Amino acid sequence: MYKLVLFYSGSGSVSYDDLRAIDQRYRSDLIAVVAAEISGVPTGMRVCRFGAHPEGMTQLALFAATLHLEAVVFRQGGFESCPADLKSFIFSKSAPTVQILSGGKLSLYSSVRWSSTAPRILFVYPGPLFPVNNGSRQRALDFLLQLHRANAKISVLSPEGSVPPGYRDFLNQLGIEFRTYRQNRLVSGVIGRLRKLGKWAVGKDYYLPLYARLNSSLSRSYQQSVNSFDCDIVIFSYVWMVPWKLKKAKPTVYTVDLHDINFVRDRGFYRPSNVVRNILESLNQRIEYKLLNQTDLALAISNSDAKSLVPDQLRPPVLTVPPSFSWIVAPSFKLRVKAERFGFIGANMSANRAAIDYVMQHIWPLILKRRPNSKFFVAGDICNHIARSGGFGPRCFQLGFVPSLSDFYGGIDALISPVFIQGGINFKVLEALVSGVPVMVNETGIKSVPSNELTFVIRSSELEASVDEFLAFVDNAFDDPDSLTRRVEQLRARLMADFERGIYSAFPQLRASDDCKSEA
C-alpha cells in the first residue's frame, strides 16, 4: 500500500522550502497539501494540493481512500489548529505520526499540557480507536477528545496485540499514555465453547451473549491492571469490561459507559421463548447487573436506555450522556426538486441485517413503484450480507466501504434506517441528521433519537401511506436550503452542548481542571 503524508497549511500558502523539508524526511511517500496555494514544487516531488474547504476535504478523502496515512504535518498549533473536517479525515484513516513544521524544520508534535489540578483518568477500551469506522469507536473518541480538551491526564488500557503499529506513539503525542494487559487463553477457550451453546440455543450464528464477552473481565492480568492503577476516575467503555472482581479504592470514581443495554438489545433473540432461552436471558441479565453494581456511576447513551434499567436492581446512579459527533461536517445544501437518491449504511451486524432485509423486502419496492428513477445506495460491510442472501435488487447499488462519510451523506437525499433490535443509539441516524440528511425510522428507532425536524417515523401498519408521506417530507426538507442549514447547525450545537454538559455532570473534577489549564 502506498503511503501518504498530509501537510495542513490552512488558508496560508506553501513555499518551496516548506515542501523540500517534508520531501527530505519522507522521500518515497505521496504528499497531500491542504492550502490556499503552492508557490513552488521541488522537481520530481509527488504532491497534490487540496483546498481548505469542505469540497477540498471530500476530494482529499477520495484521493486517499487506498493510501496509508503515514504522517500529518502542521504549522504551529498542531491538533489545536485542526478543523473538524480534517480531524474527521485523520481519525477515519489510522494513527499517523504528527509533525510540526517551523523554520524549514520538522519536529515531533507534543500535546502534554496538564495543569496541577488535572485529574488522572484510566480509560478502558478493548481494541484500537482508529480508524473510526463504527459507532463504538465514535463513542470512545467522543470521550477521549472531551477529556483531552479538559486537560485530563489520560491513560488508555487495551489488550496486548490488539492495536496497529504506531498506535502507542500517536496517543503519546497527544499526551495520552497507552497500557496493555494479557488475555487468558484458557478462559477465552472456555467462553468460546459456551458461546457456541448460546448460538445453538437461539438459532442465530451471529448471537453473542454477554457471558461470551467476559474474556477481559475474567483475566487476572486485566483485574490487576485496573485494581492497582492509582487514578481519580476509571471509565470502562463497556459493561463487560468491568473486572469480575473489582477492588475499589477511594476516592476513585468507577464509571461504566453503556454503549447499549445488553439484555434490552438481546430480547429479540429470546423470542419465541423456551426453557434454554429463558435461562440464557436470565443469566445474561444477572451478569450485567452484577458488573454494573460494582461501579459508582453508569452513563447511558440515550434516555430510552436509561429508562430500561430497573432501579430496584441497580445500585449506581445513571446519567444520560448522548454522543456529540463534533468532527462531522455537514455538506453545503442545494435546492432539490424531487428526492430520488436514498441510502443505507452500516456494518455487517445483526441489527443492520434485520433492518436492511426489511427495507429491501418492504420499503424499497414501494419507493421504486412511486419513483422509478430512484436509486438506493448501500454502504459498509452490510453489503456482504445482501450479496449472500440473494443479491441487490433493482436500482440498488453496492458501495461497500466509503472513505468519506460527508461524501456519502452529501450524495443522498434521505437515509432509510428502521430499527428492530432495541438498545443503545443508532449512530448512523445521528450522523445523517448532523449532516443535514432526512431520515426514515420506525416506531422502535425513534425512541433513542433526540427531537428534531428531519426525522420521519414510518408506520408499519400503513406502509403504503407512510411511504407517500415520507417522500413528500423529504421533498419539502430541501425547499429552503438556508432554513435547512440553520436547523442542522442548531441540532449539532444542541448535541455537542448536551454531551459536554453530561460529561461535566458526571465528572465535576474536569471542570476545575479545564478552568485552570495552561496553554500549550
Protein backbone atom coordinates (compact mmCIF):
# COMPACT_ATOMS: atom_id res chain seq x y z
CA MET A 1 0.00 0.00 0.00
CA TYR A 2 1.29 3.46 -0.91
CA LYS A 3 1.98 5.85 1.97
CA LEU A 4 0.65 9.39 2.27
CA VAL A 5 1.91 12.44 4.14
CA LEU A 6 -0.65 15.17 4.79
CA PHE A 7 0.53 18.78 5.18
CA TYR A 8 -2.10 21.18 6.53
CA SER A 9 -1.37 24.86 5.97
CA GLY A 10 -4.97 26.11 6.14
CA SER A 11 -5.63 29.37 4.35
CA GLY A 12 -1.91 30.17 4.09
CA SER A 13 0.37 29.49 1.14
CA VAL A 14 3.08 26.81 0.96
CA SER A 15 6.60 27.65 -0.16
CA TYR A 16 9.25 25.66 -1.98
CA ASP A 17 11.29 25.42 1.26
CA ASP A 18 8.28 24.01 3.17
CA LEU A 19 7.82 21.20 0.68
CA ARG A 20 11.55 20.48 0.46
CA ALA A 21 11.73 19.92 4.23
CA ILE A 22 8.86 17.40 4.04
CA ASP A 23 10.29 15.72 0.93
CA GLN A 24 13.66 15.19 2.58
CA ARG A 25 12.02 13.49 5.58
CA TYR A 26 9.50 11.37 3.61
CA ARG A 27 11.30 10.68 0.32
CA SER A 28 9.15 7.85 -1.04
CA ASP A 29 5.71 8.99 0.12
CA LEU A 30 2.95 10.81 -1.69
CA ILE A 31 2.28 14.26 -0.23
CA ALA A 32 -1.15 15.89 0.00
CA VAL A 33 -1.16 19.59 0.78
CA VAL A 34 -4.19 21.40 2.16
CA ALA A 35 -3.52 25.06 1.44
CA ALA A 36 -4.72 28.10 -0.47
CA GLU A 37 -1.79 27.93 -2.89
CA ILE A 38 1.67 26.47 -3.50
CA SER A 39 4.38 28.86 -4.65
CA GLY A 40 6.83 26.23 -5.86
CA VAL A 41 7.27 22.46 -6.03
CA PRO A 42 10.65 20.68 -5.92
CA THR A 43 11.48 18.76 -9.09
CA GLY A 44 10.14 15.21 -9.08
CA MET A 45 8.13 15.68 -5.87
CA ARG A 46 4.88 13.70 -5.64
CA VAL A 47 2.46 16.37 -4.41
CA CYS A 48 -1.26 17.15 -4.80
CA ARG A 49 -2.99 20.26 -3.45
CA PHE A 50 -6.49 20.37 -1.95
CA GLY A 51 -8.46 23.42 -0.90
CA ALA A 52 -9.12 24.15 2.80
CA HIS A 53 -12.89 23.88 2.41
CA PRO A 54 -15.49 21.05 2.60
CA GLU A 55 -15.24 20.23 -1.11
CA GLY A 56 -11.46 20.01 -0.77
CA MET A 57 -11.80 17.63 2.19
CA THR A 58 -14.12 15.40 0.14
CA GLN A 59 -11.62 15.32 -2.72
CA LEU A 60 -8.83 14.52 -0.25
CA ALA A 61 -10.80 11.60 1.23
CA LEU A 62 -11.43 10.12 -2.22
CA PHE A 63 -7.79 10.59 -3.24
CA ALA A 64 -6.52 8.91 -0.06
CA ALA A 65 -9.08 6.05 0.03
CA THR A 66 -6.48 3.33 -0.68
CA LEU A 67 -3.47 5.05 0.90
CA HIS A 68 -1.94 4.55 4.33
CA LEU A 69 -1.68 7.85 6.24
CA GLU A 70 1.93 7.81 7.40
CA ALA A 71 2.22 11.30 8.88
CA VAL A 72 0.41 14.61 9.36
CA VAL A 73 2.35 17.88 9.29
CA PHE A 74 1.01 21.06 10.87
CA ARG A 75 2.40 24.51 11.32
CA GLN A 76 2.41 25.85 14.89
CA GLY A 77 -0.71 24.80 16.78
CA GLY A 78 -0.92 21.12 15.91
CA PHE A 79 -4.28 19.50 16.52
CA GLU A 80 -5.49 22.65 18.25
CA SER A 81 -5.49 24.35 14.82
CA CYS A 82 -7.04 21.38 13.01
CA PRO A 83 -10.58 21.97 11.65
CA ALA A 84 -13.31 19.41 12.30
CA ASP A 85 -13.49 18.06 8.73
CA LEU A 86 -9.73 17.42 8.69
CA LYS A 87 -9.92 15.67 12.07
CA SER A 88 -12.67 13.51 10.61
CA PHE A 89 -10.38 12.52 7.75
CA ILE A 90 -7.40 11.78 10.03
CA PHE A 91 -9.42 9.71 12.50
CA SER A 92 -11.01 7.71 9.68
CA LYS A 93 -7.59 6.56 8.44
CA SER A 94 -5.10 5.43 11.08
CA ALA A 95 -2.78 6.62 13.85
CA PRO A 96 -0.16 8.70 11.98
CA THR A 97 2.98 10.40 13.21
CA VAL A 98 2.31 14.10 13.85
CA GLN A 99 4.99 16.64 12.94
CA ILE A 100 5.31 20.41 13.34
CA LEU A 101 6.95 22.42 10.54
CA SER A 102 8.66 25.58 11.75
CA GLY A 103 11.58 27.49 10.24
CA GLY A 104 12.01 24.90 7.50
CA LYS A 105 12.49 22.06 10.02
CA LEU A 106 10.25 19.19 11.18
CA SER A 107 9.87 18.23 14.83
CA LEU A 108 7.59 15.78 16.61
CA TYR A 109 4.37 17.31 17.92
CA SER A 110 3.62 17.05 21.62
CA SER A 111 0.41 17.98 23.41
CA VAL A 112 1.38 17.47 27.04
CA ARG A 113 -0.25 20.45 28.81
CA TRP A 114 -1.51 19.21 32.16
CA SER A 115 -2.28 21.62 34.96
CA SER A 116 -1.53 20.98 38.62
CA THR A 117 -5.21 20.20 39.22
CA ALA A 118 -5.61 17.80 36.28
CA PRO A 119 -7.43 14.59 37.31
CA ARG A 120 -5.86 11.28 36.30
CA ILE A 121 -8.15 9.03 34.25
CA LEU A 122 -7.87 5.38 33.20
CA PHE A 123 -9.89 4.82 30.04
CA VAL A 124 -10.51 1.14 29.26
CA TYR A 125 -11.20 0.14 25.65
CA PRO A 126 -10.96 -3.40 24.16
CA GLY A 127 -9.04 -2.51 20.97
CA PRO A 128 -7.83 0.29 18.69
CA LEU A 129 -9.76 3.55 18.48
CA PHE A 130 -8.67 4.20 14.90
CA PRO A 131 -9.82 4.11 12.19
CA VAL A 132 -13.13 5.47 13.47
CA ASN A 133 -15.39 3.27 11.36
CA ASN A 134 -18.15 2.19 13.75
CA GLY A 135 -20.37 3.59 16.48
CA SER A 136 -18.35 2.15 19.37
CA ARG A 137 -15.15 3.85 18.25
CA GLN A 138 -17.05 7.07 17.61
CA ARG A 139 -18.39 6.96 21.14
CA ALA A 140 -14.95 6.28 22.64
CA LEU A 141 -13.35 9.04 20.57
CA ASP A 142 -16.07 11.46 21.74
CA PHE A 143 -14.97 10.77 25.31
CA LEU A 144 -11.23 10.98 24.68
CA LEU A 145 -11.48 14.27 22.79
CA GLN A 146 -13.56 15.83 25.56
CA LEU A 147 -11.22 14.53 28.28
CA HIS A 148 -8.28 15.86 26.26
CA ARG A 149 -9.92 19.28 25.90
CA ALA A 150 -10.45 19.31 29.67
CA ASN A 151 -6.71 18.74 30.10
CA ALA A 152 -7.03 15.45 32.00
CA LYS A 153 -4.09 13.07 32.44
CA ILE A 154 -5.35 10.12 30.39
CA SER A 155 -4.14 6.52 30.26
CA VAL A 156 -5.74 4.10 27.79
CA LEU A 157 -5.79 0.39 28.69
CA SER A 158 -6.29 -2.26 25.95
CA PRO A 159 -5.40 -5.95 25.37
CA GLU A 160 -1.90 -6.89 24.17
CA GLY A 161 -1.63 -7.25 20.40
CA SER A 162 -4.95 -5.52 19.73
CA VAL A 163 -3.66 -2.29 18.18
CA PRO A 164 -1.74 -1.48 14.95
CA PRO A 165 1.88 -0.24 14.75
CA GLY A 166 2.28 3.41 15.62
CA TYR A 167 -0.84 3.50 17.77
CA ARG A 168 1.03 3.95 21.06
CA ASP A 169 3.21 6.72 19.59
CA PHE A 170 0.18 8.56 18.21
CA LEU A 171 -1.57 8.57 21.59
CA ASN A 172 1.66 9.60 23.35
CA GLN A 173 1.95 12.62 21.06
CA LEU A 174 -1.50 13.69 22.24
CA GLY A 175 -0.32 13.40 25.84
CA ILE A 176 -2.16 10.08 26.35
CA GLU A 177 -0.39 7.12 27.94
CA PHE A 178 -1.03 3.66 26.48
CA ARG A 179 -1.03 0.49 28.62
CA THR A 180 -1.77 -3.17 27.84
CA TYR A 181 -2.80 -6.33 29.65
CA ARG A 182 -2.71 -10.05 28.78
CA GLN A 183 -5.76 -12.08 27.88
CA ASN A 184 -6.27 -15.51 29.47
CA ARG A 185 -6.24 -18.13 26.69
CA LEU A 186 -7.84 -20.82 28.87
CA VAL A 187 -10.72 -18.51 29.80
CA SER A 188 -11.12 -17.48 26.16
CA GLY A 189 -11.32 -21.12 25.09
CA VAL A 190 -13.99 -22.00 27.65
CA ILE A 191 -16.02 -18.90 26.78
CA GLY A 192 -15.76 -19.76 23.09
CA ARG A 193 -17.36 -23.16 23.69
CA LEU A 194 -20.12 -21.64 25.80
CA ARG A 195 -20.83 -19.12 23.04
CA LYS A 196 -21.42 -21.99 20.60
CA LEU A 197 -24.01 -23.32 23.03
CA GLY A 198 -25.73 -19.93 23.10
CA LYS A 199 -25.76 -19.66 19.30
CA TRP A 200 -27.31 -23.11 19.06
CA ALA A 201 -29.94 -22.23 21.68
CA VAL A 202 -31.20 -19.11 19.89
CA GLY A 203 -30.64 -20.44 16.38
CA LYS A 204 -28.56 -17.43 15.27
CA ASP A 205 -24.93 -17.82 14.21
CA TYR A 206 -24.14 -14.17 14.97
CA TYR A 207 -25.60 -14.19 18.51
CA LEU A 208 -23.03 -13.02 21.08
CA PRO A 209 -24.31 -13.39 24.67
CA LEU A 210 -22.90 -11.14 27.38
CA TYR A 211 -21.09 -14.02 29.08
CA ALA A 212 -19.18 -14.62 25.81
CA ARG A 213 -17.66 -11.14 26.10
CA LEU A 214 -16.09 -11.67 29.53
CA ASN A 215 -12.55 -12.59 28.34
CA SER A 216 -11.09 -9.41 29.82
CA SER A 217 -13.34 -9.25 32.87
CA LEU A 218 -12.18 -12.71 33.98
CA SER A 219 -8.50 -12.16 33.10
CA ARG A 220 -6.26 -11.96 36.18
CA SER A 221 -3.78 -9.71 34.34
CA TYR A 222 -6.60 -7.31 33.47
CA GLN A 223 -8.01 -7.29 37.00
CA GLN A 224 -4.56 -6.50 38.40
CA SER A 225 -4.02 -3.72 35.83
CA VAL A 226 -7.25 -1.99 36.86
CA ASN A 227 -7.15 -2.68 40.59
CA SER A 228 -3.54 -1.46 41.00
CA PHE A 229 -3.85 1.73 38.95
CA ASP A 230 -3.78 4.91 41.02
CA CYS A 231 -6.16 7.46 39.49
CA ASP A 232 -9.16 9.70 40.12
CA ILE A 233 -11.54 8.22 37.54
CA VAL A 234 -11.82 4.87 35.77
CA ILE A 235 -14.04 4.70 32.68
CA PHE A 236 -14.99 1.25 31.39
CA SER A 237 -16.14 1.61 27.79
CA TYR A 238 -18.45 -1.42 28.06
CA VAL A 239 -20.13 -3.14 30.98
CA TRP A 240 -18.34 -6.39 30.06
CA MET A 241 -15.01 -4.60 30.61
CA VAL A 242 -15.75 -4.19 34.33
CA PRO A 243 -13.44 -6.63 36.20
CA TRP A 244 -15.27 -9.61 37.66
CA LYS A 245 -13.55 -8.83 40.96
CA LEU A 246 -13.20 -5.06 41.18
CA LYS A 247 -11.23 -3.87 44.21
CA LYS A 248 -12.39 -0.29 44.60
CA ALA A 249 -10.08 2.29 46.09
CA LYS A 250 -11.33 5.60 47.43
CA PRO A 251 -11.66 8.29 46.20
CA THR A 252 -11.52 6.79 42.67
CA VAL A 253 -14.82 7.02 40.76
CA TYR A 254 -15.51 3.82 38.78
CA THR A 255 -17.71 4.56 35.79
CA VAL A 256 -19.15 2.37 33.04
CA ASP A 257 -20.21 3.84 29.71
CA LEU A 258 -23.18 1.89 28.40
CA HIS A 259 -22.98 1.80 24.61
CA ASP A 260 -26.19 -0.17 24.92
CA ILE A 261 -28.06 -2.28 27.47
CA ASN A 262 -27.19 -5.85 26.52
CA PHE A 263 -30.28 -7.55 27.92
CA VAL A 264 -32.50 -4.99 26.17
CA ARG A 265 -30.69 -5.39 22.85
CA ASP A 266 -30.84 -9.20 23.04
CA ARG A 267 -34.54 -9.55 23.86
CA GLY A 268 -35.38 -10.34 20.26
CA PHE A 269 -33.08 -13.37 20.33
CA TYR A 270 -35.11 -14.96 23.14
CA ARG A 271 -38.47 -14.86 21.34
CA PRO A 272 -40.26 -17.19 21.00
CA SER A 273 -39.24 -18.41 24.42
CA ASN A 274 -38.30 -21.89 25.58
CA VAL A 275 -36.55 -23.23 28.69
CA VAL A 276 -33.00 -22.76 27.37
CA ARG A 277 -33.69 -19.26 26.04
CA ASN A 278 -35.29 -18.24 29.32
CA ILE A 279 -32.19 -19.43 31.19
CA LEU A 280 -29.93 -17.52 28.82
CA GLU A 281 -31.96 -14.32 29.19
CA SER A 282 -31.96 -14.54 32.99
CA LEU A 283 -28.24 -15.42 33.15
CA ASN A 284 -27.11 -12.55 30.95
CA GLN A 285 -29.28 -10.02 32.77
CA ARG A 286 -27.96 -11.16 36.16
CA ILE A 287 -24.36 -10.88 34.93
CA GLU A 288 -24.96 -7.39 33.54
CA TYR A 289 -26.43 -6.11 36.82
CA LYS A 290 -23.69 -7.84 38.80
CA LEU A 291 -20.99 -5.96 36.85
CA LEU A 292 -22.91 -2.67 36.86
CA ASN A 293 -23.42 -2.78 40.62
CA GLN A 294 -19.67 -2.84 41.25
CA THR A 295 -19.33 0.64 39.74
CA ASP A 296 -20.13 4.10 41.13
CA LEU A 297 -21.76 5.60 38.06
CA ALA A 298 -23.43 4.38 34.86
CA LEU A 299 -23.58 6.55 31.73
CA ALA A 300 -26.45 5.78 29.35
CA ILE A 301 -26.18 6.82 25.71
CA SER A 302 -29.90 7.67 25.42
CA ASN A 303 -32.88 8.39 27.66
CA SER A 304 -34.59 5.22 26.46
CA ASP A 305 -31.61 3.15 27.63
CA ALA A 306 -31.58 4.92 31.00
CA LYS A 307 -35.26 4.06 31.47
CA SER A 308 -34.59 0.38 30.62
CA LEU A 309 -32.55 -0.12 33.79
CA VAL A 310 -34.62 -1.26 36.76
CA PRO A 311 -33.92 0.97 39.80
CA ASP A 312 -34.63 -1.85 42.25
CA GLN A 313 -31.83 -3.95 40.71
CA LEU A 314 -29.32 -1.16 40.04
CA ARG A 315 -27.09 0.39 42.71
CA PRO A 316 -25.14 3.19 40.91
CA PRO A 317 -26.92 6.33 39.66
CA VAL A 318 -27.49 6.68 35.91
CA LEU A 319 -26.76 9.78 33.83
CA THR A 320 -27.56 10.22 30.15
CA VAL A 321 -24.58 11.33 28.05
CA PRO A 322 -25.55 11.44 24.36
CA PRO A 323 -22.98 11.40 21.53
CA SER A 324 -21.76 14.70 20.08
CA PHE A 325 -20.38 13.98 16.57
CA SER A 326 -18.16 17.03 16.93
CA TRP A 327 -15.92 16.04 13.98
CA ILE A 328 -18.66 15.55 11.36
CA VAL A 329 -19.14 18.48 8.99
CA ALA A 330 -22.42 19.00 7.12
CA PRO A 331 -22.19 19.44 3.34
CA SER A 332 -23.49 22.52 1.55
CA PHE A 333 -27.21 22.22 0.74
CA LYS A 334 -28.77 22.85 -2.66
CA LEU A 335 -32.36 23.21 -3.80
CA ARG A 336 -33.70 19.83 -4.95
CA VAL A 337 -36.97 19.32 -6.80
CA LYS A 338 -37.56 15.64 -6.09
CA ALA A 339 -35.84 13.13 -3.79
CA GLU A 340 -34.58 10.17 -5.80
CA ARG A 341 -31.35 9.15 -4.06
CA PHE A 342 -31.74 7.06 -0.92
CA GLY A 343 -29.16 5.32 1.24
CA PHE A 344 -28.37 2.80 3.96
CA ILE A 345 -25.02 2.42 5.73
CA GLY A 346 -23.82 0.00 8.37
CA ALA A 347 -21.55 -2.82 9.47
CA ASN A 348 -22.46 -6.48 8.94
CA MET A 349 -24.09 -7.00 12.33
CA SER A 350 -27.41 -8.44 13.50
CA ALA A 351 -29.24 -5.12 13.93
CA ASN A 352 -28.27 -3.93 10.46
CA ARG A 353 -29.14 -7.29 8.88
CA ALA A 354 -32.65 -7.12 10.25
CA ALA A 355 -33.00 -3.52 9.10
CA ILE A 356 -31.72 -3.92 5.53
CA ASP A 357 -33.76 -7.10 4.99
CA TYR A 358 -36.93 -5.21 5.94
CA VAL A 359 -36.02 -2.24 3.74
CA MET A 360 -35.27 -4.41 0.69
CA GLN A 361 -38.43 -6.51 1.09
CA HIS A 362 -41.00 -3.93 2.15
CA ILE A 363 -39.91 -0.30 1.76
CA TRP A 364 -37.70 -0.06 -1.31
CA PRO A 365 -40.24 -1.71 -3.69
CA LEU A 366 -42.85 0.88 -2.64
CA ILE A 367 -40.44 3.79 -3.24
CA LEU A 368 -39.39 2.39 -6.60
CA LYS A 369 -43.04 1.94 -7.62
CA ARG A 370 -43.68 5.63 -6.98
CA ARG A 371 -40.36 6.95 -8.31
CA PRO A 372 -38.94 4.52 -10.91
CA ASN A 373 -35.80 6.60 -11.45
CA SER A 374 -34.80 6.40 -7.79
CA LYS A 375 -31.51 4.83 -6.69
CA PHE A 376 -30.70 3.05 -3.45
CA PHE A 377 -27.05 3.23 -2.31
CA VAL A 378 -25.88 0.70 0.30
CA ALA A 379 -22.55 1.34 2.05
CA GLY A 380 -20.49 -0.58 4.59
CA ASP A 381 -19.88 -4.26 5.34
CA ILE A 382 -23.63 -4.91 5.28
CA CYS A 383 -23.18 -5.29 1.52
CA ASN A 384 -21.66 -8.75 2.22
CA HIS A 385 -24.89 -9.85 3.91
CA ILE A 386 -27.01 -8.68 0.97
CA ALA A 387 -24.76 -10.48 -1.52
CA ARG A 388 -25.07 -13.76 0.43
CA SER A 389 -28.84 -13.50 0.91
CA GLY A 390 -29.94 -13.10 -2.69
CA GLY A 391 -28.12 -10.06 -4.04
CA PHE A 392 -29.08 -6.48 -4.71
CA GLY A 393 -32.48 -5.65 -6.14
CA PRO A 394 -33.37 -3.28 -8.98
CA ARG A 395 -31.82 0.19 -8.87
CA CYS A 396 -29.72 -0.82 -5.82
CA PHE A 397 -26.01 -0.02 -5.83
CA GLN A 398 -23.30 -1.58 -3.69
CA LEU A 399 -20.76 0.95 -2.40
CA GLY A 400 -19.00 -1.13 0.26
CA PHE A 401 -16.54 0.87 2.36
CA VAL A 402 -16.87 4.62 1.83
CA PRO A 403 -13.76 6.72 2.56
CA SER A 404 -15.77 9.84 3.40
CA LEU A 405 -18.95 9.98 5.46
CA SER A 406 -19.61 13.54 4.34
CA ASP A 407 -19.33 12.42 0.72
CA PHE A 408 -21.81 9.58 1.31
CA TYR A 409 -24.37 11.73 3.10
CA GLY A 410 -23.84 14.55 0.63
CA GLY A 411 -24.73 12.16 -2.20
CA ILE A 412 -28.13 11.00 -0.91
CA ASP A 413 -31.45 12.76 -0.34
CA ALA A 414 -32.52 10.60 2.61
CA LEU A 415 -31.35 7.75 4.82
CA ILE A 416 -33.64 4.75 5.39
CA SER A 417 -32.81 3.24 8.77
CA PRO A 418 -35.52 1.34 10.69
CA VAL A 419 -34.52 -0.31 13.98
CA PHE A 420 -35.63 -3.80 15.05
CA ILE A 421 -33.11 -4.61 17.77
CA GLN A 422 -33.52 -2.07 20.55
CA GLY A 423 -30.70 -0.84 22.76
CA GLY A 424 -28.05 1.86 22.56
CA ILE A 425 -28.44 4.50 19.90
CA ASN A 426 -28.43 4.33 16.13
CA PHE A 427 -25.25 6.23 15.29
CA LYS A 428 -25.89 6.41 11.56
CA VAL A 429 -29.23 8.15 12.21
CA LEU A 430 -27.49 10.92 14.15
CA GLU A 431 -24.66 11.02 11.60
CA ALA A 432 -27.23 11.67 8.89
CA LEU A 433 -29.10 14.28 10.92
CA VAL A 434 -26.00 16.33 11.73
CA SER A 435 -25.11 16.06 8.03
CA GLY A 436 -28.49 17.56 7.10
CA VAL A 437 -29.99 14.37 5.65
CA PRO A 438 -33.63 13.48 6.44
CA VAL A 439 -34.03 10.02 7.98
CA MET A 440 -36.78 7.41 7.90
CA VAL A 441 -37.04 5.45 11.16
CA ASN A 442 -39.74 3.23 12.63
CA GLU A 443 -41.54 3.26 15.98
CA THR A 444 -38.65 1.46 17.73
CA GLY A 445 -35.95 3.64 16.20
CA ILE A 446 -37.45 6.97 17.22
CA LYS A 447 -37.20 6.10 20.93
CA SER A 448 -33.48 6.93 21.10
CA VAL A 449 -33.38 9.84 18.63
CA PRO A 450 -33.38 13.39 20.05
CA SER A 451 -36.21 15.63 18.91
CA ASN A 452 -35.55 17.27 15.54
CA GLU A 453 -37.27 18.32 12.33
CA LEU A 454 -35.55 15.88 9.95
CA THR A 455 -36.81 12.52 11.23
CA PHE A 456 -39.82 10.75 9.71
CA VAL A 457 -41.44 7.84 11.56
CA ILE A 458 -42.88 5.22 9.23
CA ARG A 459 -45.92 3.25 10.38
CA SER A 460 -45.52 -0.47 9.76
CA SER A 461 -49.31 -0.92 9.76
CA GLU A 462 -49.72 1.67 7.00
CA LEU A 463 -46.67 1.27 4.78
CA GLU A 464 -48.24 2.50 1.52
CA ALA A 465 -49.49 5.76 3.03
CA SER A 466 -46.31 6.19 5.10
CA VAL A 467 -44.06 5.95 2.04
CA ASP A 468 -46.13 8.61 0.25
CA GLU A 469 -45.82 10.91 3.27
CA PHE A 470 -42.11 10.18 3.61
CA LEU A 471 -41.35 11.17 0.01
CA ALA A 472 -43.28 14.44 0.43
CA PHE A 473 -41.46 15.02 3.75
CA VAL A 474 -38.04 14.67 2.09
CA ASP A 475 -39.00 16.87 -0.87
CA ASN A 476 -40.10 19.63 1.50
CA ALA A 477 -36.87 19.43 3.52
CA PHE A 478 -34.83 20.81 0.63
CA ASP A 479 -37.26 23.57 -0.40
CA ASP A 480 -35.27 26.10 1.61
CA PRO A 481 -31.52 25.28 1.84
CA ASP A 482 -30.84 28.23 4.17
CA SER A 483 -33.50 27.06 6.62
CA LEU A 484 -32.11 23.51 6.47
CA THR A 485 -28.62 24.83 7.24
CA ARG A 486 -29.91 26.68 10.31
CA ARG A 487 -31.79 23.62 11.60
CA VAL A 488 -28.74 21.38 11.19
CA GLU A 489 -26.47 23.87 12.94
CA GLN A 490 -28.94 24.13 15.83
CA LEU A 491 -29.10 20.33 16.16
CA ARG A 492 -25.31 20.00 16.06
CA ALA A 493 -24.92 22.71 18.71
CA ARG A 494 -27.53 21.05 20.93
CA LEU A 495 -25.92 17.60 20.67
CA MET A 496 -22.48 18.97 21.47
CA ALA A 497 -23.82 21.03 24.40
CA ASP A 498 -25.76 18.03 25.78
CA PHE A 499 -22.67 15.83 25.54
CA GLU A 500 -20.40 18.37 27.24
CA ARG A 501 -23.00 19.02 29.94
CA GLY A 502 -23.30 15.28 30.56
CA ILE A 503 -19.53 14.81 30.83
CA TYR A 504 -19.11 17.67 33.31
CA SER A 505 -22.11 16.47 35.34
CA ALA A 506 -20.57 13.00 35.56
CA PHE A 507 -17.06 14.26 36.32
CA PRO A 508 -17.11 17.70 38.01
CA GLN A 509 -13.33 17.30 38.57
CA LEU A 510 -12.87 18.01 34.85
CA ARG A 511 -14.40 21.46 35.06
CA ALA A 512 -11.92 22.52 37.74
CA SER A 513 -9.07 21.19 35.58
CA ASP A 514 -10.47 22.87 32.47
CA ASP A 515 -10.71 26.22 34.26
CA CYS A 516 -7.09 26.04 35.39
CA LYS A 517 -5.44 24.51 32.33
CA SER A 518 -2.28 26.02 30.93
CA GLU A 519 -1.72 26.89 27.29
CA ALA A 520 0.34 24.51 25.18
